[in-house]
C-alpha cells in the first residue's frame, strides 16, 4: 500500500514537472512577439562638441527657444565664453 502511494506521488510530481516544462517552452516561443520597445527619448545636440544628450539630464544655458543643452559643464563654459565675447 505504501509503495502504491509513493508511486502515485512520484507520478504526480513527474507529470507536473513535464507540464511546467512544456508551458515554459510555449511561453518562450511566444515571447519574441510580445517584446515592446521602450519609448524613444528626445535627444539634442551639444553645440560645442556635437554629442547627443538627453535634455532632462544635461546642463543647459539660455531660455525659451534659445535654450542650449550640453554634455558637460566644460562644454557649457566654452559656449558661454564664446557667446559673451
PDB file of N, CA and C in Angstrom:
ATOM      1  N   UNK A   1       0.827  -1.203   0.000  1.00  0.00           N
ATOM      2  CA  UNK A   1       0.000   0.000   0.000  1.00  0.00           C
ATOM      3  C   UNK A   1       0.866   1.260   0.000  1.00  0.00           C
ATOM      4  N   UNK A   2       1.929   1.218   0.804  1.00  0.00           N
ATOM      5  CA  UNK A   2       2.843   2.362   0.889  1.00  0.00           C
ATOM      6  C   UNK A   2       3.567   2.574  -0.442  1.00  0.00           C
ATOM      7  N   UNK A   3       3.944   1.477  -1.101  1.00  0.00           N
ATOM      8  CA  UNK A   3       4.608   1.582  -2.410  1.00  0.00           C
ATOM      9  C   UNK A   3       3.682   2.221  -3.436  1.00  0.00           C
ATOM     10  N   UNK A   4       2.432   1.874  -3.399  1.00  0.00           N
ATOM     11  CA  UNK A   4       1.460   2.442  -4.330  1.00  0.00           C
ATOM     12  C   UNK A   4       1.301   3.942  -4.100  1.00  0.00           C
ATOM     13  N   UNK A   5       1.210   4.342  -2.849  1.00  0.00           N
ATOM     14  CA  UNK A   5       1.071   5.756  -2.503  1.00  0.00           C
ATOM     15  C   UNK A   5       2.308   6.558  -2.940  1.00  0.00           C
ATOM     16  N   UNK A   6       3.490   6.021  -2.663  1.00  0.00           N
ATOM     17  CA  UNK A   6       4.726   6.691  -3.089  1.00  0.00           C
ATOM     18  C   UNK A   6       4.837   6.748  -4.615  1.00  0.00           C
ATOM     19  N   UNK A   7       4.413   5.709  -5.286  1.00  0.00           N
ATOM     20  CA  UNK A   7       4.419   5.682  -6.748  1.00  0.00           C
ATOM     21  C   UNK A   7       3.498   6.731  -7.338  1.00  0.00           C
ATOM     22  N   UNK A   8       2.309   6.895  -6.749  1.00  0.00           N
ATOM     23  CA  UNK A   8       1.369   7.909  -7.222  1.00  0.00           C
ATOM     24  C   UNK A   8       1.907   9.324  -6.988  1.00  0.00           C
ATOM     25  N   UNK A   9       2.531   9.544  -5.842  1.00  0.00           N
ATOM     26  CA  UNK A   9       3.125  10.860  -5.551  1.00  0.00           C
ATOM     27  C   UNK A   9       4.241  11.157  -6.552  1.00  0.00           C
ATOM     28  N   UNK A  10       5.072  10.166  -6.820  1.00  0.00           N
ATOM     29  CA  UNK A  10       6.161  10.347  -7.788  1.00  0.00           C
ATOM     30  C   UNK A  10       5.614  10.613  -9.185  1.00  0.00           C
ATOM     31  N   UNK A  11       4.602   9.891  -9.586  1.00  0.00           N
ATOM     32  CA  UNK A  11       3.983  10.089 -10.899  1.00  0.00           C
ATOM     33  C   UNK A  11       3.394  11.494 -11.007  1.00  0.00           C
ATOM     34  N   UNK A  12       2.706  11.930  -9.947  1.00  0.00           N
ATOM     35  CA  UNK A  12       2.137  13.287  -9.927  1.00  0.00           C
ATOM     36  C   UNK A  12       3.232  14.345 -10.100  1.00  0.00           C
ATOM     37  N   UNK A  13       4.336  14.196  -9.384  1.00  0.00           N
ATOM     38  CA  UNK A  13       5.412  15.183  -9.459  1.00  0.00           C
ATOM     39  C   UNK A  13       6.072  15.193 -10.842  1.00  0.00           C
ATOM     40  N   UNK A  14       6.243  14.038 -11.430  1.00  0.00           N
ATOM     41  CA  UNK A  14       6.843  13.966 -12.768  1.00  0.00           C
ATOM     42  C   UNK A  14       5.911  14.614 -13.793  1.00  0.00           C
ATOM     43  N   UNK A  15       4.623  14.307 -13.733  1.00  0.00           N
ATOM     44  CA  UNK A  15       3.669  14.900 -14.676  1.00  0.00           C
ATOM     45  C   UNK A  15       3.594  16.421 -14.494  1.00  0.00           C
ATOM     46  N   UNK A  16       3.649  16.866 -13.258  1.00  0.00           N
ATOM     47  CA  UNK A  16       3.617  18.310 -13.006  1.00  0.00           C
ATOM     48  C   UNK A  16       4.876  18.992 -13.554  1.00  0.00           C
ATOM     49  N   UNK A  17       6.035  18.369 -13.387  1.00  0.00           N
ATOM     50  CA  UNK A  17       7.284  18.928 -13.909  1.00  0.00           C
ATOM     51  C   UNK A  17       7.256  18.993 -15.435  1.00  0.00           C
ATOM     52  N   UNK A  18       6.756  17.956 -16.081  1.00  0.00           N
ATOM     53  CA  UNK A  18       6.663  17.940 -17.544  1.00  0.00           C
ATOM     54  C   UNK A  18       5.689  19.012 -18.011  1.00  0.00           C
ATOM     55  N   UNK A  19       4.578  19.172 -17.296  1.00  0.00           N
ATOM     56  CA  UNK A  19       3.596  20.192 -17.660  1.00  0.00           C
ATOM     57  C   UNK A  19       4.208  21.591 -17.566  1.00  0.00           C
ATOM     58  N   UNK A  20       4.925  21.858 -16.495  1.00  0.00           N
ATOM     59  CA  UNK A  20       5.568  23.172 -16.349  1.00  0.00           C
ATOM     60  C   UNK A  20       6.635  23.399 -17.417  1.00  0.00           C
ATOM     61  N   UNK A  21       7.372  22.356 -17.742  1.00  0.00           N
ATOM     62  CA  UNK A  21       8.388  22.465 -18.791  1.00  0.00           C
ATOM     63  C   UNK A  21       7.747  22.822 -20.125  1.00  0.00           C
ATOM     64  N   UNK A  22       6.664  22.154 -20.480  1.00  0.00           N
ATOM     65  CA  UNK A  22       6.001  22.425 -21.752  1.00  0.00           C
ATOM     66  C   UNK A  22       5.395  23.829 -21.776  1.00  0.00           C
ATOM     67  N   UNK A  23       4.821  24.273 -20.644  1.00  0.00           N
ATOM     68  CA  UNK A  23       4.289  25.643 -20.577  1.00  0.00           C
ATOM     69  C   UNK A  23       5.398  26.674 -20.733  1.00  0.00           C
ATOM     70  N   UNK A  24       6.549  26.414 -20.122  1.00  0.00           N
ATOM     71  CA  UNK A  24       7.684  27.322 -20.246  1.00  0.00           C
ATOM     72  C   UNK A  24       8.192  27.413 -21.677  1.00  0.00           C
ATOM     73  N   UNK A  25       8.246  26.278 -22.357  1.00  0.00           N
ATOM     74  CA  UNK A  25       8.678  26.268 -23.760  1.00  0.00           C
ATOM     75  C   UNK A  25       7.690  27.048 -24.616  1.00  0.00           C
ATOM     76  N   UNK A  26       6.401  26.837 -24.377  1.00  0.00           N
ATOM     77  CA  UNK A  26       5.377  27.554 -25.154  1.00  0.00           C
ATOM     78  C   UNK A  26       5.467  29.057 -24.907  1.00  0.00           C
ATOM     79  N   UNK A  27       5.688  29.462 -23.673  1.00  0.00           N
ATOM     80  CA  UNK A  27       5.830  30.888 -23.354  1.00  0.00           C
ATOM     81  C   UNK A  27       7.072  31.464 -24.024  1.00  0.00           C
ATOM     82  N   UNK A  28       8.149  30.706 -24.027  1.00  0.00           N
ATOM     83  CA  UNK A  28       9.383  31.159 -24.672  1.00  0.00           C
ATOM     84  C   UNK A  28       9.233  31.328 -26.170  1.00  0.00           C
ATOM     85  N   UNK A  29       8.439  30.477 -26.791  1.00  0.00           N
ATOM     86  CA  UNK A  29       8.222  30.596 -28.227  1.00  0.00           C
ATOM     87  C   UNK A  29       7.380  31.816 -28.571  1.00  0.00           C
ATOM     88  N   UNK A  30       6.480  32.210 -27.679  1.00  0.00           N
ATOM     89  CA  UNK A  30       5.634  33.377 -27.912  1.00  0.00           C
ATOM     90  C   UNK A  30       6.312  34.685 -27.532  1.00  0.00           C
ATOM     91  N   UNK A  31       7.359  34.646 -26.741  1.00  0.00           N
ATOM     92  CA  UNK A  31       7.982  35.858 -26.189  1.00  0.00           C
ATOM     93  C   UNK A  31       8.465  36.863 -27.241  1.00  0.00           C
ATOM     94  N   UNK A  32       9.116  36.458 -28.342  1.00  0.00           N
ATOM     95  CA  UNK A  32       9.595  37.478 -29.280  1.00  0.00           C
ATOM     96  C   UNK A  32       8.491  38.361 -29.853  1.00  0.00           C
ATOM     97  N   UNK A  33       7.277  37.864 -29.928  1.00  0.00           N
ATOM     98  CA  UNK A  33       6.179  38.643 -30.470  1.00  0.00           C
ATOM     99  C   UNK A  33       5.643  39.653 -29.458  1.00  0.00           C
ATOM    100  N   UNK A  34       5.943  39.441 -28.175  1.00  0.00           N
ATOM    101  CA  UNK A  34       5.394  40.284 -27.129  1.00  0.00           C
ATOM    102  C   UNK A  34       6.378  41.356 -26.654  1.00  0.00           C
ATOM    103  N   UNK A  35       7.588  41.381 -27.176  1.00  0.00           N
ATOM    104  CA  UNK A  35       8.583  42.356 -26.742  1.00  0.00           C
ATOM    105  C   UNK A  35       8.182  43.739 -27.238  1.00  0.00           C
ATOM    106  N   UNK A  36       8.093  44.682 -26.322  1.00  0.00           N
ATOM    107  CA  UNK A  36       7.731  46.044 -26.692  1.00  0.00           C
ATOM    108  C   UNK A  36       8.964  46.935 -26.554  1.00  0.00           C
ATOM    109  N   UNK A  37       9.140  47.807 -27.499  1.00  0.00           N
ATOM    110  CA  UNK A  37      10.262  48.735 -27.468  1.00  0.00           C
ATOM    111  C   UNK A  37       9.991  49.822 -26.434  1.00  0.00           C
ATOM    112  N   UNK A  38      11.030  50.259 -25.714  1.00  0.00           N
ATOM    113  CA  UNK A  38      10.828  51.369 -24.783  1.00  0.00           C
ATOM    114  C   UNK A  38      10.545  52.650 -25.564  1.00  0.00           C
ATOM    115  N   UNK A  39       9.873  53.599 -24.945  1.00  0.00           N
ATOM    116  CA  UNK A  39       9.572  54.840 -25.663  1.00  0.00           C
ATOM    117  C   UNK A  39      10.865  55.574 -26.033  1.00  0.00           C
ATOM    118  N   UNK A  40      10.840  56.243 -27.161  1.00  0.00           N
ATOM    119  CA  UNK A  40      12.014  56.958 -27.640  1.00  0.00           C
ATOM    120  C   UNK A  40      12.278  58.189 -26.775  1.00  0.00           C
ATOM    121  N   UNK A  41      13.548  58.456 -26.512  1.00  0.00           N
ATOM    122  CA  UNK A  41      13.942  59.631 -25.742  1.00  0.00           C
ATOM    123  C   UNK A  41      14.341  60.718 -26.723  1.00  0.00           C
ATOM    124  N   UNK A  42      13.820  61.922 -26.554  1.00  0.00           N
ATOM    125  CA  UNK A  42      14.249  63.012 -27.442  1.00  0.00           C
ATOM    126  C   UNK A  42      15.690  63.403 -27.121  1.00  0.00           C
ATOM    127  N   UNK A  43      16.502  63.543 -28.134  1.00  0.00           N
ATOM    128  CA  UNK A  43      17.904  63.938 -27.961  1.00  0.00           C
ATOM    129  C   UNK A  43      18.143  65.279 -28.635  1.00  0.00           C
ATOM    130  N   UNK A  44      19.079  66.030 -28.081  1.00  0.00           N
ATOM    131  CA  UNK A  44      19.507  67.285 -28.695  1.00  0.00           C
ATOM    132  C   UNK A  44      21.024  67.254 -28.816  1.00  0.00           C
ATOM    133  N   UNK A  45      21.543  68.041 -29.738  1.00  0.00           N
ATOM    134  CA  UNK A  45      22.980  68.038 -29.999  1.00  0.00           C
ATOM    135  C   UNK A  45      23.664  69.154 -29.230  1.00  0.00           C
ATOM    136  N   UNK A  46      24.767  68.812 -28.581  1.00  0.00           N
ATOM    137  CA  UNK A  46      25.615  69.781 -27.889  1.00  0.00           C
ATOM    138  C   UNK A  46      26.237  70.687 -28.955  1.00  0.00           C
ATOM    139  N   UNK A  47      26.053  72.028 -28.869  1.00  0.00           N
ATOM    140  CA  UNK A  47      26.565  72.918 -29.907  1.00  0.00           C
ATOM    141  C   UNK A  47      28.094  73.042 -29.915  1.00  0.00           C
ATOM    142  N   UNK A  48      28.768  72.603 -28.865  1.00  0.00           N
ATOM    143  CA  UNK A  48      30.226  72.724 -28.802  1.00  0.00           C
ATOM    144  C   UNK A  48      30.909  71.499 -29.393  1.00  0.00           C
ATOM    145  N   UNK A  49      30.591  70.312 -28.882  1.00  0.00           N
ATOM    146  CA  UNK A  49      31.307  69.111 -29.328  1.00  0.00           C
ATOM    147  C   UNK A  49      30.472  68.204 -30.232  1.00  0.00           C
ATOM    148  N   UNK A  50      29.149  68.449 -30.338  1.00  0.00           N
ATOM    149  CA  UNK A  50      28.310  67.668 -31.236  1.00  0.00           C
ATOM    150  C   UNK A  50      27.752  66.390 -30.650  1.00  0.00           C
ATOM    151  N   UNK A  51      27.990  66.128 -29.373  1.00  0.00           N
ATOM    152  CA  UNK A  51      27.468  64.938 -28.728  1.00  0.00           C
ATOM    153  C   UNK A  51      25.958  65.066 -28.537  1.00  0.00           C
ATOM    154  N   UNK A  52      25.229  63.970 -28.726  1.00  0.00           N
ATOM    155  CA  UNK A  52      23.795  63.977 -28.471  1.00  0.00           C
ATOM    156  C   UNK A  52      23.557  63.698 -26.988  1.00  0.00           C
ATOM    157  N   UNK A  53      22.662  64.497 -26.372  1.00  0.00           N
ATOM    158  CA  UNK A  53      22.369  64.358 -24.943  1.00  0.00           C
ATOM    159  C   UNK A  53      20.858  64.359 -24.712  1.00  0.00           C
ATOM    160  N   UNK A  54      20.449  63.797 -23.573  1.00  0.00           N
ATOM    161  CA  UNK A  54      19.054  63.830 -23.138  1.00  0.00           C
ATOM    162  C   UNK A  54      18.845  65.152 -22.405  1.00  0.00           C
ATOM    163  N   UNK A  55      17.932  66.008 -22.864  1.00  0.00           N
ATOM    164  CA  UNK A  55      17.768  67.329 -22.263  1.00  0.00           C
ATOM    165  C   UNK A  55      17.463  67.307 -20.761  1.00  0.00           C
ATOM    166  N   UNK A  56      16.741  66.314 -20.302  1.00  0.00           N
ATOM    167  CA  UNK A  56      16.372  66.264 -18.883  1.00  0.00           C
ATOM    168  C   UNK A  56      17.581  66.085 -17.978  1.00  0.00           C
ATOM    169  N   UNK A  57      18.660  65.485 -18.481  1.00  0.00           N
ATOM    170  CA  UNK A  57      19.834  65.199 -17.660  1.00  0.00           C
ATOM    171  C   UNK A  57      21.020  66.104 -17.971  1.00  0.00           C
ATOM    172  N   UNK A  58      20.884  67.025 -18.908  1.00  0.00           N
ATOM    173  CA  UNK A  58      22.030  67.790 -19.393  1.00  0.00           C
ATOM    174  C   UNK A  58      22.091  69.189 -18.786  1.00  0.00           C
ATOM    175  N   UNK A  59      23.311  69.710 -18.588  1.00  0.00           N
ATOM    176  CA  UNK A  59      23.440  71.120 -18.207  1.00  0.00           C
ATOM    177  C   UNK A  59      22.912  71.999 -19.340  1.00  0.00           C
ATOM    178  N   UNK A  60      22.320  73.143 -18.984  1.00  0.00           N
ATOM    179  CA  UNK A  60      21.723  73.981 -20.031  1.00  0.00           C
ATOM    180  C   UNK A  60      22.147  75.428 -19.864  1.00  0.00           C
ATOM    181  N   UNK A  61      21.870  76.201 -20.921  1.00  0.00           N
ATOM    182  CA  UNK A  61      22.177  77.629 -20.932  1.00  0.00           C
ATOM    183  C   UNK A  61      21.159  78.316 -21.820  1.00  0.00           C
ATOM    184  N   UNK A  62      20.599  79.430 -21.371  1.00  0.00           N
ATOM    185  CA  UNK A  62      19.631  80.180 -22.160  1.00  0.00           C
ATOM    186  C   UNK A  62      18.218  79.957 -21.668  1.00  0.00           C
ATOM    187  N   UNK A  63      17.273  80.606 -22.379  1.00  0.00           N
ATOM    188  CA  UNK A  63      15.860  80.472 -22.029  1.00  0.00           C
ATOM    189  C   UNK A  63      15.024  80.330 -23.294  1.00  0.00           C
ATOM    190  N   UNK A  64      13.839  79.756 -23.138  1.00  0.00           N
ATOM    191  CA  UNK A  64      12.895  79.644 -24.254  1.00  0.00           C
ATOM    192  C   UNK A  64      13.458  78.913 -25.447  1.00  0.00           C
ATOM    193  N   UNK A  65      13.312  79.526 -26.637  1.00  0.00           N
ATOM    194  CA  UNK A  65      13.799  78.884 -27.862  1.00  0.00           C
ATOM    195  C   UNK A  65      15.316  78.965 -27.987  1.00  0.00           C
ATOM    196  N   UNK A  66      15.950  79.791 -27.166  1.00  0.00           N
ATOM    197  CA  UNK A  66      17.420  79.918 -27.192  1.00  0.00           C
ATOM    198  C   UNK A  66      18.098  78.959 -26.214  1.00  0.00           C
ATOM    199  N   UNK A  67      17.342  78.031 -25.633  1.00  0.00           N
ATOM    200  CA  UNK A  67      17.891  77.072 -24.680  1.00  0.00           C
ATOM    201  C   UNK A  67      18.836  76.116 -25.388  1.00  0.00           C
ATOM    202  N   UNK A  68      20.045  75.984 -24.851  1.00  0.00           N
ATOM    203  CA  UNK A  68      21.047  75.056 -25.380  1.00  0.00           C
ATOM    204  C   UNK A  68      21.382  74.043 -24.307  1.00  0.00           C
ATOM    205  N   UNK A  69      21.616  72.791 -24.716  1.00  0.00           N
ATOM    206  CA  UNK A  69      21.939  71.712 -23.786  1.00  0.00           C
ATOM    207  C   UNK A  69      23.335  71.195 -24.098  1.00  0.00           C
ATOM    208  N   UNK A  70      24.055  70.785 -23.052  1.00  0.00           N
ATOM    209  CA  UNK A  70      25.460  70.403 -23.199  1.00  0.00           C
ATOM    210  C   UNK A  70      25.727  69.055 -22.543  1.00  0.00           C
ATOM    211  N   UNK A  71      26.797  68.402 -23.023  1.00  0.00           N
ATOM    212  CA  UNK A  71      27.158  67.097 -22.475  1.00  0.00           C
ATOM    213  C   UNK A  71      27.890  67.235 -21.145  1.00  0.00           C
ATOM    214  N   UNK A  72      28.501  68.394 -20.895  1.00  0.00           N
ATOM    215  CA  UNK A  72      29.252  68.582 -19.653  1.00  0.00           C
ATOM    216  C   UNK A  72      29.291  70.061 -19.284  1.00  0.00           C
ATOM    217  N   UNK A  73      29.708  70.327 -18.060  1.00  0.00           N
ATOM    218  CA  UNK A  73      29.866  71.709 -17.613  1.00  0.00           C
ATOM    219  C   UNK A  73      30.977  72.406 -18.401  1.00  0.00           C
ATOM    220  N   UNK A  74      31.988  71.665 -18.799  1.00  0.00           N
ATOM    221  CA  UNK A  74      33.088  72.235 -19.568  1.00  0.00           C
ATOM    222  C   UNK A  74      32.590  72.778 -20.914  1.00  0.00           C
ATOM    223  N   UNK A  75      31.760  72.008 -21.614  1.00  0.00           N
ATOM    224  CA  UNK A  75      31.206  72.476 -22.892  1.00  0.00           C
ATOM    225  C   UNK A  75      30.312  73.694 -22.668  1.00  0.00           C
ATOM    226  N   UNK A  76      29.573  73.707 -21.569  1.00  0.00           N
ATOM    227  CA  UNK A  76      28.709  74.855 -21.282  1.00  0.00           C
ATOM    228  C   UNK A  76      29.546  76.107 -21.044  1.00  0.00           C
ATOM    229  N   UNK A  77      30.657  75.987 -20.305  1.00  0.00           N
ATOM    230  CA  UNK A  77      31.539  77.144 -20.059  1.00  0.00           C
ATOM    231  C   UNK A  77      32.154  77.653 -21.366  1.00  0.00           C
ATOM    232  N   UNK A  78      32.555  76.754 -22.244  1.00  0.00           N
ATOM    233  CA  UNK A  78      33.143  77.156 -23.525  1.00  0.00           C
ATOM    234  C   UNK A  78      32.104  77.929 -24.342  1.00  0.00           C
ATOM    235  N   UNK A  79      30.868  77.442 -24.371  1.00  0.00           N
ATOM    236  CA  UNK A  79      29.799  78.106 -25.108  1.00  0.00           C
ATOM    237  C   UNK A  79      29.504  79.485 -24.514  1.00  0.00           C
ATOM    238  N   UNK A  80      29.448  79.578 -23.194  1.00  0.00           N
ATOM    239  CA  UNK A  80      29.209  80.856 -22.536  1.00  0.00           C
ATOM    240  C   UNK A  80      30.306  81.859 -22.860  1.00  0.00           C
ATOM    241  N   UNK A  81      31.550  81.392 -22.888  1.00  0.00           N
ATOM    242  CA  UNK A  81      32.680  82.289 -23.197  1.00  0.00           C
ATOM    243  C   UNK A  81      32.598  82.785 -24.646  1.00  0.00           C
ATOM    244  N   UNK A  82      32.208  81.893 -25.566  1.00  0.00           N
ATOM    245  CA  UNK A  82      32.093  82.300 -26.973  1.00  0.00           C
ATOM    246  C   UNK A  82      30.933  83.262 -27.175  1.00  0.00           C
ATOM    247  N   UNK A  83      29.816  83.027 -26.498  1.00  0.00           N
ATOM    248  CA  UNK A  83      28.644  83.873 -26.698  1.00  0.00           C
ATOM    249  C   UNK A  83      28.796  85.217 -25.991  1.00  0.00           C
ATOM    250  N   UNK A  84      29.621  85.318 -24.957  1.00  0.00           N
ATOM    251  CA  UNK A  84      29.828  86.577 -24.243  1.00  0.00           C
ATOM    252  C   UNK A  84      30.812  87.480 -24.979  1.00  0.00           C
ATOM    253  N   UNK A  85      31.711  86.897 -25.709  1.00  0.00           N
ATOM    254  CA  UNK A  85      32.758  87.723 -26.324  1.00  0.00           C
ATOM    255  C   UNK A  85      32.824  87.690 -27.775  1.00  0.00           C
TER     256      UNK A  85
END
